[in-house]
C-alpha atoms as a PDB file:
ATOM      1  CA  MET A   1     206.604  85.723   0.286  1.00  0.00           C
ATOM      2  CA  SER A   2     207.629  89.125   0.316  1.00  0.00           C
ATOM      3  CA  GLU A   3     205.251  91.630  -1.117  1.00  0.00           C
ATOM      4  CA  THR A   4     205.595  94.609  -3.573  1.00  0.00           C
ATOM      5  CA  THR A   5     203.287  97.266  -3.406  1.00  0.00           C
ATOM      6  CA  ALA A   6     202.519 100.081  -5.890  1.00  0.00           C
ATOM      7  CA  SER A   7     203.845 103.017  -4.876  1.00  0.00           C
ATOM      8  CA  PRO A   8     207.515 101.836  -5.023  1.00  0.00           C
ATOM      9  CA  ALA A   9     206.049 101.170  -8.133  1.00  0.00           C
ATOM     10  CA  GLU A  10     197.365  94.206 -12.092  1.00  0.00           C
ATOM     11  CA  PRO A  11     203.769  71.573 -16.292  1.00  0.00           C
ATOM     12  CA  THR A  12     205.324  70.813 -18.872  1.00  0.00           C
ATOM     13  CA  PRO A  13     202.967  68.822 -21.167  1.00  0.00           C
ATOM     14  CA  THR A  14     203.785  65.525 -23.436  1.00  0.00           C
ATOM     15  CA  ALA A  15     205.135  66.719 -26.974  1.00  0.00           C
ATOM     16  CA  ALA A  16     202.733  65.634 -29.618  1.00  0.00           C
ATOM     17  CA  ALA A  17     203.165  64.898 -33.234  1.00  0.00           C
ATOM     18  CA  ALA A  18     203.332  68.335 -35.482  1.00  0.00           C
ATOM     19  CA  ALA A  19     199.861  69.593 -36.478  1.00  0.00           C
ATOM     20  CA  PRO A  20     198.967  69.685 -39.978  1.00  0.00           C
ATOM     21  CA  ALA A  21     199.548  73.256 -41.696  1.00  0.00           C
ATOM     22  CA  PRO A  22     196.967  75.441 -40.806  1.00  0.00           C
ATOM     23  CA  ALA A  23     194.289  77.184 -43.027  1.00  0.00           C
ATOM     24  CA  PRO A  24     194.611  80.908 -44.051  1.00  0.00           C
ATOM     25  CA  VAL A  25     194.022  82.772 -41.120  1.00  0.00           C
ATOM     26  CA  PRO A  26     191.142  85.195 -41.452  1.00  0.00           C
ATOM     27  CA  THR A  27     191.784  89.173 -41.108  1.00  0.00           C
ATOM     28  CA  PRO A  28     190.688  90.139 -37.702  1.00  0.00           C
ATOM     29  CA  THR A  29     187.730  92.746 -37.012  1.00  0.00           C
ATOM     30  CA  ALA A  30     188.980  96.017 -37.098  1.00  0.00           C
ATOM     31  CA  ALA A  31     188.699  96.678 -33.069  1.00  0.00           C
ATOM     32  CA  PRO A  32     191.671  96.425 -31.349  1.00  0.00           C
ATOM     33  CA  SER A  33     191.704  93.701 -28.352  1.00  0.00           C
ATOM     34  CA  SER A  34     193.389  92.154 -25.488  1.00  0.00           C
ATOM     35  CA  VAL A  35     192.393  90.211 -22.509  1.00  0.00           C
ATOM     36  CA  ASP A  36     194.103  92.837 -20.221  1.00  0.00           C
ATOM     37  CA  ALA A  37     191.827  95.864 -21.338  1.00  0.00           C
ATOM     38  CA  GLU A  38     189.164  95.937 -18.513  1.00  0.00           C
ATOM     39  CA  MET A  39     185.597  97.369 -18.337  1.00  0.00           C
ATOM     40  CA  PRO A  40     184.515 100.278 -20.732  1.00  0.00           C
ATOM     41  CA  ALA A  41     185.058 103.494 -19.179  1.00  0.00           C
ATOM     42  CA  LYS A  42     181.739 104.894 -20.770  1.00  0.00           C
ATOM     43  CA  ASP A  43     179.195 107.602 -18.913  1.00  0.00           C
ATOM     44  CA  SER A  44     177.599 104.972 -16.790  1.00  0.00           C
ATOM     45  CA  PRO A  45     177.500 105.019 -12.974  1.00  0.00           C
ATOM     46  CA  ALA A  46     180.838 103.344 -12.771  1.00  0.00           C
ATOM     47  CA  PRO A  47     183.344 104.112 -10.007  1.00  0.00           C
ATOM     48  CA  PRO A  48     186.908 105.653 -10.645  1.00  0.00           C
ATOM     49  CA  GLN A  49     189.326 103.397 -12.036  1.00  0.00           C
ATOM     50  CA  PRO A  50     193.066 103.243 -10.412  1.00  0.00           C
ATOM     51  CA  GLY A  51     193.278 100.750 -13.220  1.00  0.00           C
ATOM     52  CA  ALA A  52     192.014 100.295 -16.823  1.00  0.00           C
ATOM     53  CA  THR A  53     188.859  98.527 -16.923  1.00  0.00           C
ATOM     54  CA  PRO A  54     188.225  96.384 -20.474  1.00  0.00           C
ATOM     55  CA  SER A  55     187.007  99.150 -22.821  1.00  0.00           C
ATOM     56  CA  VAL A  56     188.298  96.774 -26.144  1.00  0.00           C
ATOM     57  CA  PRO A  57     186.475  93.859 -26.724  1.00  0.00           C
ATOM     58  CA  GLU A  58     188.885  90.959 -27.543  1.00  0.00           C
ATOM     59  CA  PRO A  59     188.968  89.603 -30.825  1.00  0.00           C
ATOM     60  CA  THR A  60     186.564  86.295 -31.457  1.00  0.00           C
ATOM     61  CA  LYS A  61     188.051  83.142 -30.002  1.00  0.00           C
ATOM     62  CA  GLU A  62     190.652  81.641 -32.665  1.00  0.00           C
ATOM     63  CA  ALA A  63     189.100  78.838 -34.425  1.00  0.00           C
ATOM     64  CA  THR A  64     192.142  76.462 -33.706  1.00  0.00           C
ATOM     65  CA  PRO A  65     192.535  73.227 -32.200  1.00  0.00           C
ATOM     66  CA  ALA A  66     193.221  73.701 -28.435  1.00  0.00           C
ATOM     67  CA  ALA A  67     195.589  70.228 -28.308  1.00  0.00           C
ATOM     68  CA  THR A  68     199.603  71.174 -27.435  1.00  0.00           C
ATOM     69  CA  SER A  69     201.783  70.464 -30.556  1.00  0.00           C
ATOM     70  CA  THR A  70     205.611  70.162 -30.741  1.00  0.00           C
ATOM     71  CA  PRO A  71     207.215  72.646 -33.474  1.00  0.00           C
ATOM     72  CA  ALA A  72     206.616  71.283 -37.212  1.00  0.00           C
ATOM     73  CA  ALA A  73     209.635  68.908 -38.645  1.00  0.00           C
ATOM     74  CA  SER A  74     211.653  72.024 -40.049  1.00  0.00           C
ATOM     75  CA  GLU A  75     211.599  73.271 -36.351  1.00  0.00           C
ATOM     76  CA  LYS A  76     212.527  70.520 -34.167  1.00  0.00           C
ATOM     77  CA  SER A  77     215.812  72.354 -33.096  1.00  0.00           C
ATOM     78  CA  GLU A  78     213.568  74.886 -31.819  1.00  0.00           C
ATOM     79  CA  PRO A  79     214.697  76.053 -28.299  1.00  0.00           C
ATOM     80  CA  GLN A  80     211.977  75.274 -25.562  1.00  0.00           C
ATOM     81  CA  ASN A  81     210.323  76.198 -22.431  1.00  0.00           C
ATOM     82  CA  ALA A  82     207.428  75.042 -20.370  1.00  0.00           C
ATOM     83  CA  LEU A  83     205.248  77.866 -22.165  1.00  0.00           C
ATOM     84  CA  THR A  84     206.398  77.166 -25.921  1.00  0.00           C
ATOM     85  CA  GLU A  85     206.037  73.526 -25.266  1.00  0.00           C
ATOM     86  CA  LYS A  86     202.053  74.273 -25.104  1.00  0.00           C
ATOM     87  CA  PHE A  87     202.238  76.055 -28.627  1.00  0.00           C
ATOM     88  CA  THR A  88     199.869  74.559 -30.940  1.00  0.00           C
ATOM     89  CA  GLY A  89     200.883  73.387 -34.686  1.00  0.00           C
ATOM     90  CA  TYR A  90     198.843  76.491 -36.061  1.00  0.00           C
ATOM     91  CA  GLU A  91     200.909  78.882 -33.650  1.00  0.00           C
ATOM     92  CA  TRP A  92     204.323  77.707 -34.759  1.00  0.00           C
ATOM     93  CA  LYS A  93     203.357  78.219 -38.203  1.00  0.00           C
ATOM     94  CA  ALA A  94     201.997  81.624 -37.526  1.00  0.00           C
ATOM     95  CA  LEU A  95     205.118  82.342 -35.242  1.00  0.00           C
ATOM     96  CA  THR A  96     207.215  81.763 -38.068  1.00  0.00           C
ATOM     97  CA  GLU A  97     205.573  83.957 -40.399  1.00  0.00           C
ATOM     98  CA  PHE A  98     205.826  86.595 -37.679  1.00  0.00           C
ATOM     99  CA  ARG A  99     209.289  86.395 -37.301  1.00  0.00           C
ATOM    100  CA  LYS A 100     210.068  87.503 -40.849  1.00  0.00           C
ATOM    101  CA  LEU A 101     208.233  90.829 -40.445  1.00  0.00           C
ATOM    102  CA  VAL A 102     210.079  91.554 -37.046  1.00  0.00           C
ATOM    103  CA  PRO A 103     213.347  93.559 -38.510  1.00  0.00           C
ATOM    104  CA  GLU A 104     210.765  95.431 -40.792  1.00  0.00           C
ATOM    105  CA  SER A 105     208.587  95.950 -37.776  1.00  0.00           C
ATOM    106  CA  LEU A 106     211.563  97.430 -35.697  1.00  0.00           C
ATOM    107  CA  ALA A 107     212.467  99.764 -38.800  1.00  0.00           C
ATOM    108  CA  LYS A 108     209.061 101.175 -38.744  1.00  0.00           C
ATOM    109  CA  ALA A 109     208.689 101.333 -34.907  1.00  0.00           C
ATOM    110  CA  TYR A 110     212.005 103.489 -34.947  1.00  0.00           C
ATOM    111  CA  SER A 111     212.327 104.958 -38.218  1.00  0.00           C
ATOM    112  CA  GLU A 112     214.919 107.616 -36.990  1.00  0.00           C
ATOM    113  CA  LYS A 113     217.370 104.811 -36.590  1.00  0.00           C
ATOM    114  CA  THR A 114     219.183 103.667 -39.797  1.00  0.00           C
ATOM    115  CA  ASP A 115     220.027 100.737 -38.068  1.00  0.00           C
ATOM    116  CA  ALA A 116     216.891  99.550 -36.271  1.00  0.00           C
ATOM    117  CA  LYS A 117     216.328  96.388 -38.516  1.00  0.00           C
ATOM    118  CA  THR A 118     219.649  94.766 -37.075  1.00  0.00           C
ATOM    119  CA  THR A 119     219.587  95.946 -33.516  1.00  0.00           C
ATOM    120  CA  ALA A 120     218.033  93.990 -30.835  1.00  0.00           C
ATOM    121  CA  ILE A 121     215.288  95.849 -28.124  1.00  0.00           C
ATOM    122  CA  THR A 122     214.237  94.612 -24.472  1.00  0.00           C
ATOM    123  CA  LEU A 123     210.243  94.365 -24.289  1.00  0.00           C
ATOM    124  CA  TRP A 124     208.958  93.354 -20.490  1.00  0.00           C
ATOM    125  CA  GLY A 125     212.673  92.169 -19.964  1.00  0.00           C
ATOM    126  CA  VAL A 126     212.841  90.151 -22.769  1.00  0.00           C
ATOM    127  CA  ARG A 127     215.493  90.489 -25.559  1.00  0.00           C
ATOM    128  CA  ILE A 128     214.172  90.560 -28.996  1.00  0.00           C
ATOM    129  CA  ASP A 129     217.103  90.313 -31.310  1.00  0.00           C
ATOM    130  CA  PRO A 130     216.351  90.591 -34.903  1.00  0.00           C
ATOM    131  CA  ASN A 131     219.104  88.677 -35.913  1.00  0.00           C
ATOM    132  CA  ASN A 132     217.943  85.734 -33.688  1.00  0.00           C
ATOM    133  CA  LEU A 133     214.688  85.426 -33.221  1.00  0.00           C
ATOM    134  CA  VAL A 134     214.705  81.606 -32.672  1.00  0.00           C
ATOM    135  CA  ASP A 135     214.421  82.065 -28.752  1.00  0.00           C
ATOM    136  CA  ALA A 136     211.947  80.432 -26.379  1.00  0.00           C
ATOM    137  CA  ARG A 137     211.320  83.420 -24.262  1.00  0.00           C
ATOM    138  CA  THR A 138     211.264  85.796 -27.638  1.00  0.00           C
ATOM    139  CA  SER A 139     208.650  83.380 -28.824  1.00  0.00           C
ATOM    140  CA  VAL A 140     206.553  83.734 -25.774  1.00  0.00           C
ATOM    141  CA  VAL A 141     206.394  87.378 -25.986  1.00  0.00           C
ATOM    142  CA  LEU A 142     205.968  87.260 -29.775  1.00  0.00           C
ATOM    143  CA  MET A 143     203.065  84.778 -29.662  1.00  0.00           C
ATOM    144  CA  LYS A 144     201.213  87.277 -27.304  1.00  0.00           C
ATOM    145  CA  PHE A 145     200.530  89.283 -30.370  1.00  0.00           C
ATOM    146  CA  LEU A 146     199.502  86.783 -32.427  1.00  0.00           C
ATOM    147  CA  ARG A 147     197.003  85.539 -29.982  1.00  0.00           C
ATOM    148  CA  ALA A 148     195.484  89.036 -29.706  1.00  0.00           C
ATOM    149  CA  ARG A 149     195.242  89.233 -33.415  1.00  0.00           C
ATOM    150  CA  ASN A 150     194.015  85.667 -34.040  1.00  0.00           C
ATOM    151  CA  LEU A 151     197.415  84.557 -35.274  1.00  0.00           C
ATOM    152  CA  ASN A 152     197.322  86.944 -38.119  1.00  0.00           C
ATOM    153  CA  PRO A 153     200.993  87.813 -38.368  1.00  0.00           C
ATOM    154  CA  THR A 154     200.261  91.002 -40.480  1.00  0.00           C
ATOM    155  CA  ALA A 155     197.453  92.441 -37.515  1.00  0.00           C
ATOM    156  CA  ALA A 156     200.148  91.173 -35.302  1.00  0.00           C
ATOM    157  CA  GLU A 157     203.013  92.886 -36.663  1.00  0.00           C
ATOM    158  CA  GLU A 158     200.820  96.309 -36.767  1.00  0.00           C
ATOM    159  CA  MET A 159     200.034  95.972 -33.067  1.00  0.00           C
ATOM    160  CA  PHE A 160     203.713  95.142 -32.301  1.00  0.00           C
ATOM    161  CA  VAL A 161     205.005  98.396 -34.307  1.00  0.00           C
ATOM    162  CA  ALA A 162     202.328 100.289 -32.411  1.00  0.00           C
ATOM    163  CA  THR A 163     203.162  99.109 -29.158  1.00  0.00           C
ATOM    164  CA  LEU A 164     206.907  99.890 -29.760  1.00  0.00           C
ATOM    165  CA  ARG A 165     205.826 103.636 -30.651  1.00  0.00           C
ATOM    166  CA  TRP A 166     203.828 104.186 -27.903  1.00  0.00           C
ATOM    167  CA  ARG A 167     206.175 102.864 -25.677  1.00  0.00           C
ATOM    168  CA  ASP A 168     209.050 105.160 -26.945  1.00  0.00           C
ATOM    169  CA  GLU A 169     206.591 108.480 -27.058  1.00  0.00           C
ATOM    170  CA  PHE A 170     205.206 107.596 -23.376  1.00  0.00           C
ATOM    171  CA  LYS A 171     208.656 107.008 -22.016  1.00  0.00           C
ATOM    172  CA  VAL A 172     207.597 103.840 -20.126  1.00  0.00           C
ATOM    173  CA  ASP A 173     211.583 103.578 -18.918  1.00  0.00           C
ATOM    174  CA  ASP A 174     211.090 107.281 -17.153  1.00  0.00           C
ATOM    175  CA  ALA A 175     207.880 106.402 -15.784  1.00  0.00           C
ATOM    176  CA  LEU A 176     209.008 103.586 -13.934  1.00  0.00           C
ATOM    177  CA  LYS A 177     211.727 105.670 -12.286  1.00  0.00           C
ATOM    178  CA  GLU A 178     209.650 108.303 -11.388  1.00  0.00           C
ATOM    179  CA  GLU A 179     208.720 108.689  -7.603  1.00  0.00           C
ATOM    180  CA  PHE A 180     205.014 109.091  -6.955  1.00  0.00           C
ATOM    181  CA  PRO A 181     203.260 110.624  -3.741  1.00  0.00           C
ATOM    182  CA  GLN A 182     202.525 107.525  -1.337  1.00  0.00           C
ATOM    183  CA  ASP A 183     199.915 109.473   0.160  1.00  0.00           C
ATOM    184  CA  VAL A 184     198.065 109.837  -3.136  1.00  0.00           C
ATOM    185  CA  PHE A 185     198.962 106.509  -4.541  1.00  0.00           C
ATOM    186  CA  GLY A 186     200.182 104.163  -2.210  1.00  0.00           C
ATOM    187  CA  SER A 187     196.656 102.641  -1.401  1.00  0.00           C
ATOM    188  CA  LEU A 188     195.684 102.422  -4.564  1.00  0.00           C
ATOM    189  CA  GLY A 189     197.201  99.123  -5.792  1.00  0.00           C
ATOM    190  CA  HIS A 190     199.438  96.214  -4.391  1.00  0.00           C
ATOM    191  CA  ILE A 191     200.992  93.318  -5.782  1.00  0.00           C
ATOM    192  CA  TYR A 192     200.890  90.759  -3.042  1.00  0.00           C
ATOM    193  CA  GLY A 193     201.625  86.982  -3.465  1.00  0.00           C
ATOM    194  CA  ARG A 194     201.666  84.473  -6.409  1.00  0.00           C
ATOM    195  CA  ASP A 195     198.719  81.913  -7.118  1.00  0.00           C
ATOM    196  CA  LYS A 196     199.115  77.974  -7.183  1.00  0.00           C
ATOM    197  CA  GLU A 197     200.772  78.415 -10.580  1.00  0.00           C
ATOM    198  CA  GLY A 198     203.301  81.159  -9.594  1.00  0.00           C
ATOM    199  CA  ARG A 199     201.335  83.977 -11.517  1.00  0.00           C
ATOM    200  CA  PRO A 200     201.732  87.261  -9.188  1.00  0.00           C
ATOM    201  CA  VAL A 201     198.517  88.567  -8.002  1.00  0.00           C
ATOM    202  CA  VAL A 202     197.980  92.148  -8.428  1.00  0.00           C
ATOM    203  CA  TYR A 203     195.259  94.214  -6.682  1.00  0.00           C
ATOM    204  CA  ASN A 204     193.265  97.292  -7.790  1.00  0.00           C
ATOM    205  CA  VAL A 205     192.001  99.244  -4.762  1.00  0.00           C
ATOM    206  CA  TYR A 206     189.351 101.524  -6.004  1.00  0.00           C
ATOM    207  CA  GLY A 207     188.320 103.085  -2.713  1.00  0.00           C
ATOM    208  CA  GLY A 208     192.068 103.225  -1.626  1.00  0.00           C
ATOM    209  CA  ASN A 209     192.075 107.154  -1.612  1.00  0.00           C
ATOM    210  CA  SER A 210     188.800 109.018  -1.287  1.00  0.00           C
ATOM    211  CA  ASP A 211     190.344 112.243  -2.312  1.00  0.00           C
ATOM    212  CA  LEU A 212     189.662 112.033  -6.102  1.00  0.00           C
ATOM    213  CA  ASP A 213     190.963 115.234  -7.025  1.00  0.00           C
ATOM    214  CA  ALA A 214     194.645 114.531  -5.795  1.00  0.00           C
ATOM    215  CA  VAL A 215     194.005 111.111  -7.412  1.00  0.00           C
ATOM    216  CA  PHE A 216     192.863 112.213 -10.696  1.00  0.00           C
ATOM    217  CA  GLY A 217     193.497 115.987 -10.895  1.00  0.00           C
ATOM    218  CA  ASP A 218     196.532 115.162 -13.013  1.00  0.00           C
ATOM    219  CA  VAL A 219     195.483 112.736 -15.492  1.00  0.00           C
ATOM    220  CA  ASP A 220     198.915 112.155 -17.344  1.00  0.00           C
ATOM    221  CA  ARG A 221     200.366 111.721 -13.882  1.00  0.00           C
ATOM    222  CA  PHE A 222     198.137 109.213 -12.954  1.00  0.00           C
ATOM    223  CA  LEU A 223     198.602 107.201 -16.414  1.00  0.00           C
ATOM    224  CA  ARG A 224     201.972 107.333 -15.844  1.00  0.00           C
ATOM    225  CA  TRP A 225     201.778 105.946 -12.353  1.00  0.00           C
ATOM    226  CA  ARG A 226     199.284 103.261 -13.447  1.00  0.00           C
ATOM    227  CA  VAL A 227     201.534 102.113 -16.469  1.00  0.00           C
ATOM    228  CA  ALA A 228     204.358 101.848 -13.928  1.00  0.00           C
ATOM    229  CA  PHE A 229     202.446  99.607 -11.593  1.00  0.00           C
ATOM    230  CA  MET A 230     201.283  97.284 -14.674  1.00  0.00           C
ATOM    231  CA  GLU A 231     204.890  97.178 -15.587  1.00  0.00           C
ATOM    232  CA  LYS A 232     206.166  96.302 -12.181  1.00  0.00           C
ATOM    233  CA  SER A 233     203.828  93.426 -12.238  1.00  0.00           C
ATOM    234  CA  ILE A 234     204.928  92.261 -15.474  1.00  0.00           C
ATOM    235  CA  ALA A 235     208.520  92.562 -14.544  1.00  0.00           C
ATOM    236  CA  LEU A 236     207.673  89.497 -12.001  1.00  0.00           C
ATOM    237  CA  LEU A 237     206.791  87.683 -14.835  1.00  0.00           C
ATOM    238  CA  ASP A 238     209.854  84.876 -16.594  1.00  0.00           C
ATOM    239  CA  PHE A 239     208.220  84.038 -19.865  1.00  0.00           C
ATOM    240  CA  ALA A 240     209.634  80.653 -19.576  1.00  0.00           C
ATOM    241  CA  ASN A 241     207.436  79.331 -16.827  1.00  0.00           C
ATOM    242  CA  VAL A 242     204.824  82.330 -15.861  1.00  0.00           C
ATOM    243  CA  ASP A 243     203.587  84.697 -18.474  1.00  0.00           C
ATOM    244  CA  GLN A 244     200.454  86.047 -17.072  1.00  0.00           C
ATOM    245  CA  THR A 245     198.794  87.713 -13.710  1.00  0.00           C
ATOM    246  CA  ILE A 246     195.905  87.225 -11.564  1.00  0.00           C
ATOM    247  CA  GLN A 247     193.998  90.494 -11.060  1.00  0.00           C
ATOM    248  CA  VAL A 248     191.545  91.295  -8.170  1.00  0.00           C
ATOM    249  CA  HIS A 249     189.855  94.535  -8.501  1.00  0.00           C
ATOM    250  CA  ASP A 250     188.452  95.747  -5.217  1.00  0.00           C
ATOM    251  CA  TYR A 251     185.382  98.496  -4.878  1.00  0.00           C
ATOM    252  CA  GLU A 252     185.149  98.528  -1.401  1.00  0.00           C
ATOM    253  CA  GLY A 253     184.126 102.215  -0.497  1.00  0.00           C
ATOM    254  CA  VAL A 254     183.057 103.257  -4.023  1.00  0.00           C
ATOM    255  CA  SER A 255     180.075 105.286  -4.446  1.00  0.00           C
ATOM    256  CA  MET A 256     177.966 107.086  -6.787  1.00  0.00           C
ATOM    257  CA  SER A 257     179.603 110.294  -6.879  1.00  0.00           C
ATOM    258  CA  SER A 258     183.152 108.570  -7.176  1.00  0.00           C
ATOM    259  CA  ARG A 259     182.387 109.662 -11.062  1.00  0.00           C
ATOM    260  CA  THR A 260     184.260 112.665 -12.251  1.00  0.00           C
ATOM    261  CA  PRO A 261     185.216 114.139 -15.453  1.00  0.00           C
ATOM    262  CA  ALA A 262     188.844 113.877 -14.461  1.00  0.00           C
ATOM    263  CA  SER A 263     188.499 110.182 -13.294  1.00  0.00           C
ATOM    264  CA  LYS A 264     186.517 108.939 -16.467  1.00  0.00           C
ATOM    265  CA  ALA A 265     189.252 110.579 -18.546  1.00  0.00           C
ATOM    266  CA  ALA A 266     191.606 108.882 -16.918  1.00  0.00           C
ATOM    267  CA  ALA A 267     189.846 105.348 -16.943  1.00  0.00           C
ATOM    268  CA  SER A 268     189.189 105.917 -20.867  1.00  0.00           C
ATOM    269  CA  GLN A 269     192.786 106.297 -21.476  1.00  0.00           C
ATOM    270  CA  ALA A 270     194.017 103.701 -19.200  1.00  0.00           C
ATOM    271  CA  SER A 271     191.581 101.426 -20.701  1.00  0.00           C
ATOM    272  CA  ALA A 272     192.880 102.147 -24.443  1.00  0.00           C
ATOM    273  CA  ILE A 273     196.673 101.916 -23.193  1.00  0.00           C
ATOM    274  CA  PHE A 274     196.220  98.457 -21.774  1.00  0.00           C
ATOM    275  CA  SER A 275     193.844  97.475 -24.735  1.00  0.00           C
ATOM    276  CA  ASN A 276     196.498  98.019 -27.383  1.00  0.00           C
ATOM    277  CA  HIS A 277     199.970  97.667 -25.566  1.00  0.00           C
ATOM    278  CA  TYR A 278     199.608  94.861 -23.162  1.00  0.00           C
ATOM    279  CA  PRO A 279     198.101  91.473 -24.990  1.00  0.00           C
ATOM    280  CA  GLU A 280     197.711  88.406 -23.336  1.00  0.00           C
ATOM    281  CA  LEU A 281     198.974  89.102 -19.709  1.00  0.00           C
ATOM    282  CA  LEU A 282     195.825  88.452 -18.201  1.00  0.00           C
ATOM    283  CA  TYR A 283     194.937  84.923 -16.584  1.00  0.00           C
ATOM    284  CA  LYS A 284     191.763  85.651 -14.254  1.00  0.00           C
ATOM    285  CA  LYS A 285     190.290  89.025 -13.149  1.00  0.00           C
ATOM    286  CA  PHE A 286     188.213  89.027 -10.116  1.00  0.00           C
ATOM    287  CA  PHE A 287     185.645  92.077  -9.412  1.00  0.00           C
ATOM    288  CA  VAL A 288     185.038  91.897  -5.286  1.00  0.00           C
ATOM    289  CA  ASN A 289     183.040  94.003  -3.015  1.00  0.00           C
ATOM    290  CA  VAL A 290     181.262  95.157  -5.911  1.00  0.00           C
ATOM    291  CA  PRO A 291     178.540  97.717  -4.689  1.00  0.00           C
ATOM    292  CA  GLY A 292     174.727  96.276  -5.526  1.00  0.00           C
ATOM    293  CA  TYR A 293     173.898  99.590  -7.787  1.00  0.00           C
ATOM    294  CA  MET A 294     176.955  98.198  -9.900  1.00  0.00           C
ATOM    295  CA  SER A 295     176.312  94.752  -9.983  1.00  0.00           C
ATOM    296  CA  TRP A 296     174.326  94.431 -13.427  1.00  0.00           C
ATOM    297  CA  LEU A 297     176.631  96.695 -14.975  1.00  0.00           C
ATOM    298  CA  PHE A 298     179.085  93.499 -15.061  1.00  0.00           C
ATOM    299  CA  TRP A 299     176.306  91.060 -16.750  1.00  0.00           C
ATOM    300  CA  ILE A 300     175.877  93.444 -19.498  1.00  0.00           C
ATOM    301  CA  PHE A 301     179.205  92.814 -20.284  1.00  0.00           C
ATOM    302  CA  LYS A 302     178.368  89.065 -21.301  1.00  0.00           C
ATOM    303  CA  THR A 303     176.401  90.222 -24.052  1.00  0.00           C
ATOM    304  CA  ILE A 304     179.315  92.269 -25.624  1.00  0.00           C
ATOM    305  CA  LEU A 305     182.277  90.450 -24.827  1.00  0.00           C
ATOM    306  CA  PRO A 306     183.290  87.234 -26.753  1.00  0.00           C
ATOM    307  CA  ALA A 307     183.134  84.274 -24.350  1.00  0.00           C
ATOM    308  CA  ALA A 308     186.664  83.612 -23.887  1.00  0.00           C
ATOM    309  CA  THR A 309     187.120  87.066 -22.622  1.00  0.00           C
ATOM    310  CA  PHE A 310     184.005  86.973 -20.298  1.00  0.00           C
ATOM    311  CA  ALA A 311     185.103  83.745 -18.868  1.00  0.00           C
ATOM    312  CA  LYS A 312     188.274  85.292 -17.449  1.00  0.00           C
ATOM    313  CA  MET A 313     185.987  87.474 -15.233  1.00  0.00           C
ATOM    314  CA  SER A 314     184.128  87.018 -12.099  1.00  0.00           C
ATOM    315  CA  VAL A 315     182.004  89.128  -9.931  1.00  0.00           C
ATOM    316  CA  ILE A 316     182.518  88.105  -6.335  1.00  0.00           C
ATOM    317  CA  GLY A 317     180.070  89.197  -3.356  1.00  0.00           C
ATOM    318  CA  SER A 318     181.437  91.189   0.004  1.00  0.00           C
ATOM    319  CA  GLY A 319     183.334  90.148   2.585  1.00  0.00           C
ATOM    320  CA  PRO A 320     186.185  87.634   3.312  1.00  0.00           C
ATOM    321  CA  ARG A 321     184.266  84.106   2.776  1.00  0.00           C
ATOM    322  CA  PRO A 322     182.800  84.738  -0.300  1.00  0.00           C
ATOM    323  CA  ILE A 323     185.635  86.264  -1.902  1.00  0.00           C
ATOM    324  CA  GLY A 324     187.601  83.286  -0.190  1.00  0.00           C
ATOM    325  CA  LYS A 325     185.931  81.000  -1.748  1.00  0.00           C
ATOM    326  CA  ALA A 326     186.370  82.435  -5.282  1.00  0.00           C
ATOM    327  CA  LEU A 327     190.102  83.144  -4.854  1.00  0.00           C
ATOM    328  CA  LEU A 328     191.196  80.196  -2.789  1.00  0.00           C
ATOM    329  CA  PRO A 329     190.830  77.487  -5.801  1.00  0.00           C
ATOM    330  CA  PHE A 330     193.406  79.673  -7.469  1.00  0.00           C
ATOM    331  CA  VAL A 331     195.596  81.250  -4.336  1.00  0.00           C
ATOM    332  CA  ALA A 332     197.068  79.326  -1.386  1.00  0.00           C
ATOM    333  CA  ALA A 333     195.603  80.954   1.836  1.00  0.00           C
ATOM    334  CA  ASP A 334     199.056  81.802   3.239  1.00  0.00           C
ATOM    335  CA  GLU A 335     199.511  83.915   0.071  1.00  0.00           C
ATOM    336  CA  LEU A 336     195.827  85.280   0.233  1.00  0.00           C
ATOM    337  CA  PRO A 337     195.397  88.689   2.707  1.00  0.00           C
ATOM    338  CA  LYS A 338     192.707  88.126   5.316  1.00  0.00           C
ATOM    339  CA  ARG A 339     190.681  90.560   4.298  1.00  0.00           C
ATOM    340  CA  TYR A 340     190.049  88.752   1.215  1.00  0.00           C
ATOM    341  CA  GLY A 341     189.841  85.400   2.612  1.00  0.00           C
ATOM    342  CA  GLY A 342     193.188  84.037   3.306  1.00  0.00           C
ATOM    343  CA  ASN A 343     195.643  83.909   5.813  1.00  0.00           C
ATOM    344  CA  ALA A 344     198.230  86.306   5.328  1.00  0.00           C
ATOM    345  CA  ALA A 345     198.486  89.465   7.556  1.00  0.00           C
ATOM    346  CA  ALA A 346     199.433  91.967   4.844  1.00  0.00           C
ATOM    347  CA  GLU A 347     199.200  95.051   6.739  1.00  0.00           C
ATOM    348  CA  VAL A 348     199.708  97.100   3.667  1.00  0.00           C
ATOM    349  CA  PHE A 349     196.232  96.863   2.561  1.00  0.00           C
ATOM    350  CA  GLU A 350     195.072  98.277   5.665  1.00  0.00           C
ATOM    351  CA  LYS A 351     196.958 101.655   4.999  1.00  0.00           C
ATOM    352  CA  LYS A 352     194.137 103.488   3.514  1.00  0.00           C
ATOM    353  CA  LYS A 353     194.143 107.070   2.910  1.00  0.00           C
END
């Protein structure tokens, strides 16, 4: 498979009977959440972050059945794809309510536009048309906001509006067009190969550039690069069969001295961005080559993160053999670089500054 690097830029189930109408969904706690948030960027001896680390816990796991379900009787003509066919009856019910809020959400997000309620937008390559929201790929995108907010349509709408406003203010499209210096960011992240289910595998290489002033001296530039990198990995999702990525966070070469005021500020802001505006886009996260002095930090998260969130995180030892043992059940050997226990040459990983 051809590779995509950061510098140019982290089975259909058998339909079942419709699920019964859900009980009222409780209002989520005040803390925002996202499975794509990485570890907290606090004043701990953690290394600099090429990408964000979960700083905001996910919402508690929703108390709804995990069994798949087809849409309710009134929605049997609903367009389906491999991902929507996995929605539960409770999720379909919440989605129906969320759709009613979308036109007003667009008006709130783009208040300067008089026709915002009726104008289609594009989010992560998926067209969201307020005049026709009964679309399978649109349903998959909207469901991400619902799942991040425990299927509460009102809370999901708030997150959706905030995300659209942020994207407009941050100028995400401009960040994607920006050319970032290869000698600064070229070795910090790579998107290489896919897992056995077709998910892109995203690598954040924390020790890729030892010149911390070059990487984090301009925090705004770092954030533009990091967001562009995230967007390029999302561009590889079709939201029909694949809607999440696998992330590998490599700490080789990271030391205690890697924590600087600029890197902490960059990590904190990046964490907030991914927590609040990139919901439910992560399938698994592997921390590899973690220095011994840092290992204990990861296990602290077990006491503060929801079980469902912590279950997506794995701390792996150093070297190709232990890393491969953890990754090869998910990623085929010919899609996994040799340095991570696979067979792929992936020379781009060896080009470090």
